[in-house]
Amino acid sequence: MTYIPVYIYKNSLGDSTANGVSSVETNRFVVPVKNGFLSESDVENGDYIILEVEEMHTGYKCFKQKGDGRWLMNGGNFAYSTDARFSDTYGNQPIAIHDRYEG
């Protein structure tokens, strides 16, 4: 598996993630893509946060932090990259990050 970094777009009206991972981290997010320039060992050794895509039954796509099995919702932040490998894999629009937990 290979990865590329993504940008985090935040709501200008304030954070609604309830301290979700995207509320504090901005430069460490990566997503899996074909032919990315970051290898698995780069990601593991670089202290990156891996976002995995989840497709809902409605066809809606969202990103969740890898390994987080909780039921999460969007807190207003989105991930995107202008790298063509992102749009080839996920489409050409920002994707919501589900990192808000109420429990």
N, C-alpha and C. Protein backbone atom coordinates (compact mmCIF):
# COMPACT_ATOMS: atom_id res chain seq x y z
N MET A 1 0.85 -1.18 0.00
CA MET A 1 0.00 0.00 0.00
C MET A 1 0.89 1.24 0.00
N THR A 2 0.49 2.22 -0.76
CA THR A 2 1.21 3.50 -0.78
C THR A 2 0.24 4.63 -0.46
N TYR A 3 0.78 5.77 -0.10
CA TYR A 3 -0.02 6.88 0.42
C TYR A 3 0.42 8.22 -0.15
N ILE A 4 -0.47 9.21 -0.04
CA ILE A 4 -0.14 10.61 -0.31
C ILE A 4 -0.71 11.45 0.84
N PRO A 5 -0.10 12.59 1.12
CA PRO A 5 -0.66 13.48 2.15
C PRO A 5 -1.90 14.21 1.61
N VAL A 6 -2.77 14.58 2.52
CA VAL A 6 -3.95 15.38 2.18
C VAL A 6 -4.00 16.63 3.04
N TYR A 7 -4.68 17.63 2.53
CA TYR A 7 -4.91 18.87 3.28
C TYR A 7 -6.21 18.73 4.06
N ILE A 8 -6.25 19.37 5.21
CA ILE A 8 -7.46 19.39 6.03
C ILE A 8 -8.10 20.76 5.90
N TYR A 9 -9.33 20.78 5.45
CA TYR A 9 -10.09 22.01 5.32
C TYR A 9 -11.02 22.10 6.52
N LYS A 10 -10.92 23.22 7.24
CA LYS A 10 -11.68 23.38 8.49
C LYS A 10 -12.74 24.46 8.34
N ASN A 11 -13.78 24.31 9.11
CA ASN A 11 -14.87 25.26 9.15
C ASN A 11 -14.36 26.57 9.77
N SER A 12 -14.56 27.68 9.08
CA SER A 12 -14.09 28.97 9.58
C SER A 12 -14.90 29.48 10.76
N LEU A 13 -16.04 28.87 11.04
CA LEU A 13 -16.88 29.30 12.16
C LEU A 13 -16.51 28.64 13.48
N GLY A 14 -15.53 27.73 13.45
CA GLY A 14 -15.11 27.06 14.66
C GLY A 14 -15.17 25.56 14.53
N ASP A 15 -14.57 24.90 15.50
CA ASP A 15 -14.48 23.45 15.47
C ASP A 15 -15.74 22.81 16.05
N SER A 16 -16.28 21.85 15.33
CA SER A 16 -17.45 21.11 15.81
C SER A 16 -17.16 19.62 15.94
N THR A 17 -15.87 19.25 15.98
CA THR A 17 -15.52 17.83 16.03
C THR A 17 -15.52 17.26 17.43
N ALA A 18 -15.71 18.09 18.45
CA ALA A 18 -15.63 17.64 19.84
C ALA A 18 -14.26 17.01 20.10
N ASN A 19 -13.22 17.74 19.70
CA ASN A 19 -11.82 17.31 19.86
C ASN A 19 -11.46 16.10 19.01
N GLY A 20 -12.09 15.98 17.85
CA GLY A 20 -11.72 14.93 16.90
C GLY A 20 -10.30 15.13 16.41
N VAL A 21 -9.74 14.10 15.84
CA VAL A 21 -8.33 14.13 15.45
C VAL A 21 -8.05 15.25 14.44
N SER A 22 -9.00 15.59 13.58
CA SER A 22 -8.75 16.64 12.60
C SER A 22 -8.83 18.04 13.20
N SER A 23 -9.24 18.15 14.46
CA SER A 23 -9.32 19.48 15.09
C SER A 23 -7.94 19.99 15.49
N VAL A 24 -7.01 19.10 15.75
CA VAL A 24 -5.69 19.54 16.21
C VAL A 24 -4.57 19.19 15.25
N GLU A 25 -4.69 18.09 14.55
CA GLU A 25 -3.65 17.66 13.61
C GLU A 25 -3.98 18.20 12.23
N THR A 26 -2.97 18.70 11.54
CA THR A 26 -3.24 19.19 10.18
C THR A 26 -2.25 18.68 9.15
N ASN A 27 -1.02 18.46 9.53
CA ASN A 27 0.02 18.14 8.55
C ASN A 27 0.41 16.67 8.53
N ARG A 28 -0.31 15.82 9.21
CA ARG A 28 0.12 14.43 9.34
C ARG A 28 -0.85 13.44 8.70
N PHE A 29 -1.83 13.88 7.94
CA PHE A 29 -2.82 12.99 7.39
C PHE A 29 -2.40 12.46 6.03
N VAL A 30 -2.61 11.15 5.83
CA VAL A 30 -2.34 10.52 4.55
C VAL A 30 -3.50 9.60 4.19
N VAL A 31 -3.67 9.35 2.89
CA VAL A 31 -4.69 8.43 2.41
C VAL A 31 -4.04 7.43 1.47
N PRO A 32 -4.57 6.21 1.43
CA PRO A 32 -4.02 5.21 0.51
C PRO A 32 -4.42 5.50 -0.94
N VAL A 33 -3.46 5.38 -1.84
CA VAL A 33 -3.70 5.52 -3.27
C VAL A 33 -2.77 4.58 -4.02
N LYS A 34 -3.09 4.33 -5.25
CA LYS A 34 -2.22 3.52 -6.10
C LYS A 34 -1.04 4.40 -6.54
N ASN A 35 0.15 3.88 -6.43
CA ASN A 35 1.38 4.57 -6.86
C ASN A 35 1.67 5.85 -6.08
N GLY A 36 1.31 5.89 -4.79
CA GLY A 36 1.66 7.04 -3.96
C GLY A 36 3.15 7.07 -3.69
N PHE A 37 3.65 8.21 -3.24
CA PHE A 37 5.10 8.33 -3.02
C PHE A 37 5.53 8.02 -1.59
N LEU A 38 4.58 7.76 -0.68
CA LEU A 38 4.91 7.35 0.68
C LEU A 38 4.61 5.86 0.83
N SER A 39 5.59 5.10 1.27
CA SER A 39 5.40 3.66 1.48
C SER A 39 4.80 3.42 2.86
N GLU A 40 4.43 2.17 3.12
CA GLU A 40 3.92 1.83 4.46
C GLU A 40 4.95 2.10 5.53
N SER A 41 6.21 1.80 5.25
CA SER A 41 7.25 2.05 6.26
C SER A 41 7.47 3.54 6.45
N ASP A 42 7.35 4.35 5.39
CA ASP A 42 7.44 5.81 5.54
C ASP A 42 6.36 6.31 6.49
N VAL A 43 5.15 5.80 6.30
CA VAL A 43 4.01 6.24 7.11
C VAL A 43 4.17 5.79 8.56
N GLU A 44 4.56 4.53 8.75
CA GLU A 44 4.74 4.03 10.12
C GLU A 44 5.86 4.76 10.85
N ASN A 45 6.96 5.03 10.16
CA ASN A 45 8.10 5.69 10.78
C ASN A 45 7.95 7.20 10.86
N GLY A 46 7.01 7.76 10.10
CA GLY A 46 6.83 9.21 10.06
C GLY A 46 5.75 9.72 10.96
N ASP A 47 5.10 8.86 11.72
CA ASP A 47 4.06 9.26 12.66
C ASP A 47 2.89 9.95 11.95
N TYR A 48 2.47 9.38 10.85
CA TYR A 48 1.32 9.90 10.10
C TYR A 48 0.03 9.33 10.65
N ILE A 49 -1.07 9.99 10.33
CA ILE A 49 -2.40 9.52 10.66
C ILE A 49 -3.04 9.05 9.36
N ILE A 50 -3.41 7.79 9.30
CA ILE A 50 -3.97 7.22 8.08
C ILE A 50 -5.49 7.38 8.11
N LEU A 51 -6.01 7.94 7.03
CA LEU A 51 -7.45 8.04 6.86
C LEU A 51 -7.88 6.97 5.86
N GLU A 52 -8.90 6.23 6.20
CA GLU A 52 -9.45 5.21 5.32
C GLU A 52 -10.83 5.64 4.87
N VAL A 53 -11.13 5.36 3.61
CA VAL A 53 -12.45 5.72 3.10
C VAL A 53 -13.47 4.68 3.54
N GLU A 54 -14.64 5.15 3.85
CA GLU A 54 -15.77 4.27 4.16
C GLU A 54 -16.93 4.73 3.31
N GLU A 55 -17.52 3.79 2.60
CA GLU A 55 -18.67 4.12 1.78
C GLU A 55 -19.94 3.69 2.50
N MET A 56 -20.81 4.64 2.72
CA MET A 56 -22.06 4.37 3.41
C MET A 56 -23.03 3.67 2.45
N HIS A 57 -24.10 3.12 2.99
CA HIS A 57 -25.07 2.41 2.16
C HIS A 57 -25.75 3.34 1.15
N THR A 58 -25.69 4.62 1.37
CA THR A 58 -26.30 5.60 0.45
C THR A 58 -25.36 5.98 -0.68
N GLY A 59 -24.11 5.49 -0.65
CA GLY A 59 -23.12 5.86 -1.65
C GLY A 59 -22.24 7.01 -1.21
N TYR A 60 -22.57 7.62 -0.09
CA TYR A 60 -21.79 8.72 0.48
C TYR A 60 -20.45 8.19 0.98
N LYS A 61 -19.36 8.89 0.64
CA LYS A 61 -18.02 8.51 1.09
C LYS A 61 -17.58 9.43 2.21
N CYS A 62 -16.88 8.85 3.18
CA CYS A 62 -16.27 9.64 4.23
C CYS A 62 -14.93 9.03 4.59
N PHE A 63 -14.10 9.80 5.27
CA PHE A 63 -12.84 9.29 5.79
C PHE A 63 -12.97 9.11 7.29
N LYS A 64 -12.35 8.04 7.79
CA LYS A 64 -12.24 7.78 9.22
C LYS A 64 -10.79 7.43 9.51
N GLN A 65 -10.35 7.72 10.72
CA GLN A 65 -9.01 7.34 11.12
C GLN A 65 -8.90 5.82 11.15
N LYS A 66 -7.85 5.29 10.56
CA LYS A 66 -7.64 3.85 10.52
C LYS A 66 -7.65 3.28 11.93
N GLY A 67 -8.40 2.20 12.12
CA GLY A 67 -8.44 1.52 13.39
C GLY A 67 -9.46 2.05 14.38
N ASP A 68 -10.15 3.14 14.05
CA ASP A 68 -11.16 3.68 14.97
C ASP A 68 -12.50 3.03 14.66
N GLY A 69 -12.92 2.10 15.49
CA GLY A 69 -14.13 1.34 15.25
C GLY A 69 -15.39 1.96 15.81
N ARG A 70 -15.28 3.13 16.42
CA ARG A 70 -16.47 3.76 17.00
C ARG A 70 -17.39 4.28 15.90
N TRP A 71 -18.65 4.54 16.27
CA TRP A 71 -19.58 5.19 15.36
C TRP A 71 -19.28 6.68 15.43
N LEU A 72 -18.84 7.23 14.32
CA LEU A 72 -18.41 8.62 14.27
C LEU A 72 -19.26 9.39 13.27
N MET A 73 -19.23 10.71 13.39
CA MET A 73 -19.94 11.57 12.44
C MET A 73 -19.04 12.74 12.05
N ASN A 74 -19.46 13.47 11.04
CA ASN A 74 -18.67 14.60 10.55
C ASN A 74 -18.79 15.77 11.52
N GLY A 75 -17.66 16.38 11.82
CA GLY A 75 -17.62 17.55 12.67
C GLY A 75 -17.34 18.82 11.89
N GLY A 76 -17.38 18.76 10.56
CA GLY A 76 -17.23 19.95 9.74
C GLY A 76 -15.93 20.04 8.96
N ASN A 77 -15.01 19.10 9.16
CA ASN A 77 -13.73 19.15 8.46
C ASN A 77 -13.71 18.17 7.29
N PHE A 78 -12.91 18.52 6.28
CA PHE A 78 -12.83 17.74 5.05
C PHE A 78 -11.38 17.52 4.67
N ALA A 79 -11.12 16.43 3.93
CA ALA A 79 -9.78 16.13 3.42
C ALA A 79 -9.80 16.20 1.90
N TYR A 80 -8.68 16.72 1.34
CA TYR A 80 -8.57 16.82 -0.12
C TYR A 80 -7.12 16.97 -0.50
N SER A 81 -6.82 16.62 -1.73
CA SER A 81 -5.50 16.85 -2.30
C SER A 81 -5.67 17.19 -3.77
N THR A 82 -4.83 18.09 -4.26
CA THR A 82 -4.85 18.41 -5.68
C THR A 82 -4.07 17.39 -6.50
N ASP A 83 -3.43 16.45 -5.83
CA ASP A 83 -2.71 15.37 -6.50
C ASP A 83 -3.70 14.54 -7.31
N ALA A 84 -3.42 14.30 -8.57
CA ALA A 84 -4.33 13.56 -9.44
C ALA A 84 -4.62 12.16 -8.92
N ARG A 85 -3.71 11.59 -8.14
CA ARG A 85 -3.94 10.25 -7.60
C ARG A 85 -5.10 10.26 -6.61
N PHE A 86 -5.32 11.40 -5.94
CA PHE A 86 -6.47 11.51 -5.03
C PHE A 86 -7.76 11.47 -5.84
N SER A 87 -7.88 12.31 -6.85
CA SER A 87 -9.13 12.35 -7.62
C SER A 87 -9.36 11.06 -8.40
N ASP A 88 -8.29 10.39 -8.84
CA ASP A 88 -8.44 9.10 -9.51
C ASP A 88 -9.02 8.05 -8.56
N THR A 89 -8.68 8.15 -7.29
CA THR A 89 -9.11 7.16 -6.30
C THR A 89 -10.44 7.52 -5.64
N TYR A 90 -10.62 8.80 -5.29
CA TYR A 90 -11.76 9.20 -4.46
C TYR A 90 -12.73 10.16 -5.13
N GLY A 91 -12.41 10.65 -6.31
CA GLY A 91 -13.25 11.64 -6.96
C GLY A 91 -12.66 13.03 -6.77
N ASN A 92 -13.21 13.97 -7.49
CA ASN A 92 -12.62 15.32 -7.51
C ASN A 92 -13.37 16.30 -6.61
N GLN A 93 -13.53 15.92 -5.34
CA GLN A 93 -14.12 16.84 -4.37
C GLN A 93 -13.62 16.48 -2.98
N PRO A 94 -13.62 17.45 -2.08
CA PRO A 94 -13.23 17.14 -0.69
C PRO A 94 -14.17 16.10 -0.10
N ILE A 95 -13.63 15.30 0.81
CA ILE A 95 -14.40 14.24 1.46
C ILE A 95 -14.46 14.51 2.96
N ALA A 96 -15.64 14.39 3.52
CA ALA A 96 -15.85 14.65 4.95
C ALA A 96 -15.03 13.68 5.80
N ILE A 97 -14.49 14.22 6.89
CA ILE A 97 -13.79 13.39 7.87
C ILE A 97 -14.75 13.12 9.02
N HIS A 98 -15.02 11.86 9.27
CA HIS A 98 -15.87 11.48 10.39
C HIS A 98 -14.98 11.22 11.60
N ASP A 99 -14.90 12.21 12.48
CA ASP A 99 -14.07 12.09 13.67
C ASP A 99 -14.73 12.67 14.91
N ARG A 100 -16.02 12.98 14.81
CA ARG A 100 -16.76 13.48 15.97
C ARG A 100 -17.41 12.30 16.68
N TYR A 101 -17.17 12.21 17.97
CA TYR A 101 -17.73 11.12 18.77
C TYR A 101 -18.52 11.71 19.92
N GLU A 102 -19.72 11.22 20.09
CA GLU A 102 -20.55 11.62 21.23
C GLU A 102 -20.88 10.36 22.02
N GLY A 103 -20.29 10.24 23.15
CA GLY A 103 -20.57 9.02 23.91
C GLY A 103 -20.15 9.09 25.33
